Amino acid sequence: MVLKDFSAEIIPIVQTIIAFVGLISLFLLWWQIRQNNIWNKLRSEHNFIQKWHLEFEVNMIKAAQTIGIDLKFRPGPLSDDEISKIVSSEDVLASVTMLLCDIENICAAIRIGAADNDLAYATHSSRIVARYKMFEPLIEYMRTRENDDEIYIEFQKIALEWEARHLSEVEKQKASVATLSDNLLKAKGVCKKV
């Protein structure tokens, strides 16, 4: 085989193989980076549910009990009287602020994509939405007092977004159950009640 034949026949095949291997390598590199990003988000979310995060909540509940406010399973927002009591007690205000700052940090991490939104929703939505409903009057009080509408804004955004998501999911589930019920009745040959 002459050098000219080698250059014309073999080198293009070798170049094609090298280019194909390079493309496969780029794809595998992209896939690895993608998998690492997913893993990092999951690890980040795991760090948000560490024991010390729940200690903020326990400390806040205990501190509020010292001034006669039960925040353990509170169903609704704080009253004006309770807000006055919380603000007048440095210890209680400090423990509430620690909890609110912790939740704000979690929500900011979710908002920027450092934690997986779906996993965070599954693990934190009920807690964050309930705490936002409870502390909304206090947050509004703090915003007015400090003349800063951005105080705990990430907390508010995530809580409202997740509450809307939850309501949407409930409506979808109701529609799905109704459809399944209708299909079951049809399959049994029973007419739907009007």
C-alpha atoms as a PDB file:
ATOM      1  CA  MET A   1       0.000   0.000   0.000  1.00  0.00           C
ATOM      2  CA  VAL A   2       1.328   3.341  -1.032  1.00  0.00           C
ATOM      3  CA  LEU A   3       1.334   6.361   1.245  1.00  0.00           C
ATOM      4  CA  LYS A   4      -1.114   8.092  -1.085  1.00  0.00           C
ATOM      5  CA  ASP A   5      -3.586   5.168  -0.809  1.00  0.00           C
ATOM      6  CA  PHE A   6      -3.106   5.043   2.964  1.00  0.00           C
ATOM      7  CA  SER A   7      -3.851   8.778   3.210  1.00  0.00           C
ATOM      8  CA  ALA A   8      -6.917   8.482   1.040  1.00  0.00           C
ATOM      9  CA  GLU A   9      -8.440   5.327   2.562  1.00  0.00           C
ATOM     10  CA  ILE A  10      -7.272   4.760   6.118  1.00  0.00           C
ATOM     11  CA  ILE A  11      -6.784   8.261   7.578  1.00  0.00           C
ATOM     12  CA  PRO A  12     -10.444   9.358   7.001  1.00  0.00           C
ATOM     13  CA  ILE A  13     -11.624   6.202   8.748  1.00  0.00           C
ATOM     14  CA  VAL A  14      -9.290   6.827  11.687  1.00  0.00           C
ATOM     15  CA  GLN A  15     -10.403  10.485  11.861  1.00  0.00           C
ATOM     16  CA  THR A  16     -14.063   9.442  11.862  1.00  0.00           C
ATOM     17  CA  ILE A  17     -13.437   6.939  14.661  1.00  0.00           C
ATOM     18  CA  ILE A  18     -11.545   9.545  16.726  1.00  0.00           C
ATOM     19  CA  ALA A  19     -14.315  12.127  16.173  1.00  0.00           C
ATOM     20  CA  PHE A  20     -16.951   9.575  17.181  1.00  0.00           C
ATOM     21  CA  VAL A  21     -15.012   8.656  20.351  1.00  0.00           C
ATOM     22  CA  GLY A  22     -14.659  12.382  21.119  1.00  0.00           C
ATOM     23  CA  LEU A  23     -18.414  12.923  20.780  1.00  0.00           C
ATOM     24  CA  ILE A  24     -19.097   9.948  23.026  1.00  0.00           C
ATOM     25  CA  SER A  25     -16.640  11.367  25.571  1.00  0.00           C
ATOM     26  CA  LEU A  26     -18.368  14.766  25.487  1.00  0.00           C
ATOM     27  CA  PHE A  27     -21.753  13.125  25.976  1.00  0.00           C
ATOM     28  CA  LEU A  28     -20.466  11.074  28.921  1.00  0.00           C
ATOM     29  CA  LEU A  29     -18.879  14.189  30.440  1.00  0.00           C
ATOM     30  CA  TRP A  30     -22.187  16.062  30.114  1.00  0.00           C
ATOM     31  CA  TRP A  31     -24.045  13.123  31.667  1.00  0.00           C
ATOM     32  CA  GLN A  32     -21.620  12.970  34.595  1.00  0.00           C
ATOM     33  CA  ILE A  33     -21.947  16.707  35.270  1.00  0.00           C
ATOM     34  CA  ARG A  34     -25.732  16.405  35.130  1.00  0.00           C
ATOM     35  CA  GLN A  35     -25.723  13.487  37.564  1.00  0.00           C
ATOM     36  CA  ASN A  36     -23.372  15.352  39.920  1.00  0.00           C
ATOM     37  CA  ASN A  37     -25.699  18.373  39.890  1.00  0.00           C
ATOM     38  CA  ILE A  38     -28.672  16.172  40.758  1.00  0.00           C
ATOM     39  CA  TRP A  39     -26.716  14.494  43.539  1.00  0.00           C
ATOM     40  CA  ASN A  40     -25.521  17.835  44.910  1.00  0.00           C
ATOM     41  CA  LYS A  41     -29.095  19.138  45.028  1.00  0.00           C
ATOM     42  CA  LEU A  42     -30.217  16.028  46.872  1.00  0.00           C
ATOM     43  CA  ARG A  43     -27.322  16.268  49.324  1.00  0.00           C
ATOM     44  CA  SER A  44     -28.092  19.935  49.827  1.00  0.00           C
ATOM     45  CA  GLU A  45     -31.713  19.072  50.622  1.00  0.00           C
ATOM     46  CA  HIS A  46     -30.526  16.374  53.029  1.00  0.00           C
ATOM     47  CA  ASN A  47     -28.471  19.004  54.850  1.00  0.00           C
ATOM     48  CA  PHE A  48     -31.603  21.115  55.280  1.00  0.00           C
ATOM     49  CA  ILE A  49     -33.313  18.463  57.373  1.00  0.00           C
ATOM     50  CA  GLN A  50     -30.543  17.983  59.864  1.00  0.00           C
ATOM     51  CA  LYS A  51     -31.408  17.792  63.552  1.00  0.00           C
ATOM     52  CA  TRP A  52     -30.223  21.311  64.377  1.00  0.00           C
ATOM     53  CA  HIS A  53     -32.826  22.833  62.039  1.00  0.00           C
ATOM     54  CA  LEU A  54     -35.574  21.267  64.136  1.00  0.00           C
ATOM     55  CA  GLU A  55     -33.888  22.559  67.296  1.00  0.00           C
ATOM     56  CA  PHE A  56     -34.725  26.108  66.175  1.00  0.00           C
ATOM     57  CA  GLU A  57     -38.372  25.111  66.173  1.00  0.00           C
ATOM     58  CA  VAL A  58     -38.174  23.390  69.560  1.00  0.00           C
ATOM     59  CA  ASN A  59     -36.386  26.397  71.086  1.00  0.00           C
ATOM     60  CA  MET A  60     -38.991  28.776  69.657  1.00  0.00           C
ATOM     61  CA  ILE A  61     -41.882  26.697  71.045  1.00  0.00           C
ATOM     62  CA  LYS A  62     -40.282  26.524  74.510  1.00  0.00           C
ATOM     63  CA  ALA A  63     -39.478  30.239  74.541  1.00  0.00           C
ATOM     64  CA  ALA A  64     -43.028  31.170  73.487  1.00  0.00           C
ATOM     65  CA  GLN A  65     -44.470  28.992  76.254  1.00  0.00           C
ATOM     66  CA  THR A  66     -42.648  31.157  78.822  1.00  0.00           C
ATOM     67  CA  ILE A  67     -44.843  34.118  77.813  1.00  0.00           C
ATOM     68  CA  GLY A  68     -48.045  32.085  77.558  1.00  0.00           C
ATOM     69  CA  ILE A  69     -48.160  31.471  73.808  1.00  0.00           C
ATOM     70  CA  ASP A  70     -48.569  27.937  72.468  1.00  0.00           C
ATOM     71  CA  LEU A  71     -46.958  27.669  69.025  1.00  0.00           C
ATOM     72  CA  LYS A  72     -46.666  23.893  68.869  1.00  0.00           C
ATOM     73  CA  PHE A  73     -49.679  23.000  66.729  1.00  0.00           C
ATOM     74  CA  ARG A  74     -51.052  26.432  66.052  1.00  0.00           C
ATOM     75  CA  PRO A  75     -53.778  26.375  63.394  1.00  0.00           C
ATOM     76  CA  GLY A  76     -53.895  30.059  62.514  1.00  0.00           C
ATOM     77  CA  PRO A  77     -52.020  33.363  62.451  1.00  0.00           C
ATOM     78  CA  LEU A  78     -50.674  35.169  65.479  1.00  0.00           C
ATOM     79  CA  SER A  79     -52.947  37.769  67.060  1.00  0.00           C
ATOM     80  CA  ASP A  80     -51.894  41.387  67.621  1.00  0.00           C
ATOM     81  CA  ASP A  81     -51.655  40.686  71.373  1.00  0.00           C
ATOM     82  CA  GLU A  82     -49.341  37.702  70.745  1.00  0.00           C
ATOM     83  CA  ILE A  83     -47.184  39.764  68.400  1.00  0.00           C
ATOM     84  CA  SER A  84     -46.834  42.413  71.120  1.00  0.00           C
ATOM     85  CA  LYS A  85     -45.803  39.759  73.649  1.00  0.00           C
ATOM     86  CA  ILE A  86     -43.250  38.235  71.246  1.00  0.00           C
ATOM     87  CA  VAL A  87     -41.726  41.597  70.325  1.00  0.00           C
ATOM     88  CA  SER A  88     -41.495  42.678  73.974  1.00  0.00           C
ATOM     89  CA  SER A  89     -39.567  39.526  74.990  1.00  0.00           C
ATOM     90  CA  GLU A  90     -35.979  39.505  73.712  1.00  0.00           C
ATOM     91  CA  ASP A  91     -35.562  35.757  74.224  1.00  0.00           C
ATOM     92  CA  VAL A  92     -38.757  34.835  72.409  1.00  0.00           C
ATOM     93  CA  LEU A  93     -38.116  37.307  69.591  1.00  0.00           C
ATOM     94  CA  ALA A  94     -34.577  35.941  69.201  1.00  0.00           C
ATOM     95  CA  SER A  95     -35.785  32.336  68.998  1.00  0.00           C
ATOM     96  CA  VAL A  96     -38.554  33.242  66.524  1.00  0.00           C
ATOM     97  CA  THR A  97     -36.081  35.237  64.433  1.00  0.00           C
ATOM     98  CA  MET A  98     -33.637  32.303  64.399  1.00  0.00           C
ATOM     99  CA  LEU A  99     -36.374  30.010  63.095  1.00  0.00           C
ATOM    100  CA  LEU A 100     -37.553  32.536  60.498  1.00  0.00           C
ATOM    101  CA  CYS A 101     -33.974  33.118  59.297  1.00  0.00           C
ATOM    102  CA  ASP A 102     -33.434  29.369  59.028  1.00  0.00           C
ATOM    103  CA  ILE A 103     -36.587  28.955  56.963  1.00  0.00           C
ATOM    104  CA  GLU A 104     -35.597  31.983  54.844  1.00  0.00           C
ATOM    105  CA  ASN A 105     -32.215  30.365  54.107  1.00  0.00           C
ATOM    106  CA  ILE A 106     -33.864  27.085  53.116  1.00  0.00           C
ATOM    107  CA  CYS A 107     -36.289  28.941  50.833  1.00  0.00           C
ATOM    108  CA  ALA A 108     -33.494  31.002  49.266  1.00  0.00           C
ATOM    109  CA  ALA A 109     -31.541  27.813  48.532  1.00  0.00           C
ATOM    110  CA  ILE A 110     -34.622  26.294  46.924  1.00  0.00           C
ATOM    111  CA  ARG A 111     -35.302  29.454  44.914  1.00  0.00           C
ATOM    112  CA  ILE A 112     -31.780  29.570  43.405  1.00  0.00           C
ATOM    113  CA  GLY A 113     -31.803  25.848  42.656  1.00  0.00           C
ATOM    114  CA  ALA A 114     -29.277  24.734  45.264  1.00  0.00           C
ATOM    115  CA  ALA A 115     -31.878  22.283  46.550  1.00  0.00           C
ATOM    116  CA  ASP A 116     -34.287  20.246  44.491  1.00  0.00           C
ATOM    117  CA  ASN A 117     -37.677  21.985  44.495  1.00  0.00           C
ATOM    118  CA  ASP A 118     -39.732  18.782  44.234  1.00  0.00           C
ATOM    119  CA  LEU A 119     -37.890  17.034  47.042  1.00  0.00           C
ATOM    120  CA  ALA A 120     -38.012  20.153  49.220  1.00  0.00           C
ATOM    121  CA  TYR A 121     -41.745  20.452  48.522  1.00  0.00           C
ATOM    122  CA  ALA A 122     -42.297  16.830  49.506  1.00  0.00           C
ATOM    123  CA  THR A 123     -40.358  17.159  52.753  1.00  0.00           C
ATOM    124  CA  HIS A 124     -40.981  20.751  53.857  1.00  0.00           C
ATOM    125  CA  SER A 125     -44.166  22.092  52.260  1.00  0.00           C
ATOM    126  CA  SER A 126     -46.566  21.470  55.137  1.00  0.00           C
ATOM    127  CA  ARG A 127     -44.144  22.911  57.694  1.00  0.00           C
ATOM    128  CA  ILE A 128     -43.208  25.967  55.647  1.00  0.00           C
ATOM    129  CA  VAL A 129     -46.767  26.810  54.603  1.00  0.00           C
ATOM    130  CA  ALA A 130     -48.077  26.357  58.167  1.00  0.00           C
ATOM    131  CA  ARG A 131     -45.291  28.470  59.643  1.00  0.00           C
ATOM    132  CA  TYR A 132     -45.835  31.185  57.061  1.00  0.00           C
ATOM    133  CA  LYS A 133     -49.564  31.348  57.823  1.00  0.00           C
ATOM    134  CA  MET A 134     -48.768  31.536  61.531  1.00  0.00           C
ATOM    135  CA  PHE A 135     -46.025  34.170  61.271  1.00  0.00           C
ATOM    136  CA  GLU A 136     -47.437  36.263  58.413  1.00  0.00           C
ATOM    137  CA  PRO A 137     -48.772  38.992  60.758  1.00  0.00           C
ATOM    138  CA  LEU A 138     -45.421  39.120  62.597  1.00  0.00           C
ATOM    139  CA  ILE A 139     -43.528  39.321  59.299  1.00  0.00           C
ATOM    140  CA  GLU A 140     -45.790  42.179  58.172  1.00  0.00           C
ATOM    141  CA  TYR A 141     -45.194  43.886  61.524  1.00  0.00           C
ATOM    142  CA  MET A 142     -41.414  43.528  61.097  1.00  0.00           C
ATOM    143  CA  ARG A 143     -41.572  44.834  57.522  1.00  0.00           C
ATOM    144  CA  THR A 144     -43.552  47.866  58.635  1.00  0.00           C
ATOM    145  CA  ARG A 145     -41.312  48.502  61.636  1.00  0.00           C
ATOM    146  CA  GLU A 146     -38.118  48.215  59.574  1.00  0.00           C
ATOM    147  CA  ASN A 147     -39.669  49.836  56.476  1.00  0.00           C
ATOM    148  CA  ASP A 148     -38.337  46.938  54.398  1.00  0.00           C
ATOM    149  CA  ASP A 149     -40.672  44.885  52.205  1.00  0.00           C
ATOM    150  CA  GLU A 150     -37.920  42.321  51.519  1.00  0.00           C
ATOM    151  CA  ILE A 151     -37.778  40.871  55.037  1.00  0.00           C
ATOM    152  CA  TYR A 152     -38.370  37.094  54.717  1.00  0.00           C
ATOM    153  CA  ILE A 153     -39.413  37.543  51.088  1.00  0.00           C
ATOM    154  CA  GLU A 154     -38.058  34.147  49.959  1.00  0.00           C
ATOM    155  CA  PHE A 155     -40.022  32.491  52.755  1.00  0.00           C
ATOM    156  CA  GLN A 156     -43.169  34.259  51.544  1.00  0.00           C
ATOM    157  CA  LYS A 157     -42.590  33.404  47.875  1.00  0.00           C
ATOM    158  CA  ILE A 158     -41.985  29.704  48.494  1.00  0.00           C
ATOM    159  CA  ALA A 159     -44.860  29.396  50.994  1.00  0.00           C
ATOM    160  CA  LEU A 160     -47.359  31.005  48.634  1.00  0.00           C
ATOM    161  CA  GLU A 161     -46.065  29.036  45.639  1.00  0.00           C
ATOM    162  CA  TRP A 162     -46.289  25.759  47.540  1.00  0.00           C
ATOM    163  CA  GLU A 163     -49.723  26.536  48.939  1.00  0.00           C
ATOM    164  CA  ALA A 164     -50.996  27.194  45.401  1.00  0.00           C
ATOM    165  CA  ARG A 165     -49.309  23.982  44.222  1.00  0.00           C
ATOM    166  CA  HIS A 166     -50.946  22.018  47.033  1.00  0.00           C
ATOM    167  CA  LEU A 167     -54.404  23.424  46.217  1.00  0.00           C
ATOM    168  CA  SER A 168     -53.889  22.572  42.548  1.00  0.00           C
ATOM    169  CA  GLU A 169     -52.844  19.018  43.422  1.00  0.00           C
ATOM    170  CA  VAL A 170     -55.887  18.603  45.680  1.00  0.00           C
ATOM    171  CA  GLU A 171     -58.186  19.707  42.848  1.00  0.00           C
ATOM    172  CA  LYS A 172     -56.496  17.290  40.430  1.00  0.00           C
ATOM    173  CA  GLN A 173     -56.846  14.465  42.949  1.00  0.00           C
ATOM    174  CA  LYS A 174     -60.548  15.236  43.461  1.00  0.00           C
ATOM    175  CA  ALA A 175     -61.126  15.222  39.699  1.00  0.00           C
ATOM    176  CA  SER A 176     -59.168  11.976  39.355  1.00  0.00           C
ATOM    177  CA  VAL A 177     -61.158  10.302  42.141  1.00  0.00           C
ATOM    178  CA  ALA A 178     -64.431  11.481  40.598  1.00  0.00           C
ATOM    179  CA  THR A 179     -63.408  10.099  37.204  1.00  0.00           C
ATOM    180  CA  LEU A 180     -62.355   6.774  38.719  1.00  0.00           C
ATOM    181  CA  SER A 181     -65.588   6.582  40.682  1.00  0.00           C
ATOM    182  CA  ASP A 182     -67.646   7.263  37.547  1.00  0.00           C
ATOM    183  CA  ASN A 183     -65.699   4.632  35.611  1.00  0.00           C
ATOM    184  CA  LEU A 184     -66.238   2.109  38.388  1.00  0.00           C
ATOM    185  CA  LEU A 185     -69.966   2.797  38.451  1.00  0.00           C
ATOM    186  CA  LYS A 186     -70.158   2.466  34.664  1.00  0.00           C
ATOM    187  CA  ALA A 187     -68.241  -0.798  34.815  1.00  0.00           C
ATOM    188  CA  LYS A 188     -70.725  -2.116  37.369  1.00  0.00           C
ATOM    189  CA  GLY A 189     -73.617  -0.916  35.211  1.00  0.00           C
ATOM    190  CA  VAL A 190     -74.918   1.533  37.800  1.00  0.00           C
ATOM    191  CA  CYS A 191     -76.269   4.910  36.715  1.00  0.00           C
ATOM    192  CA  LYS A 192     -74.644   7.987  38.211  1.00  0.00           C
ATOM    193  CA  LYS A 193     -76.666   9.774  40.858  1.00  0.00           C
ATOM    194  CA  VAL A 194     -77.719  13.298  39.914  1.00  0.00           C
END
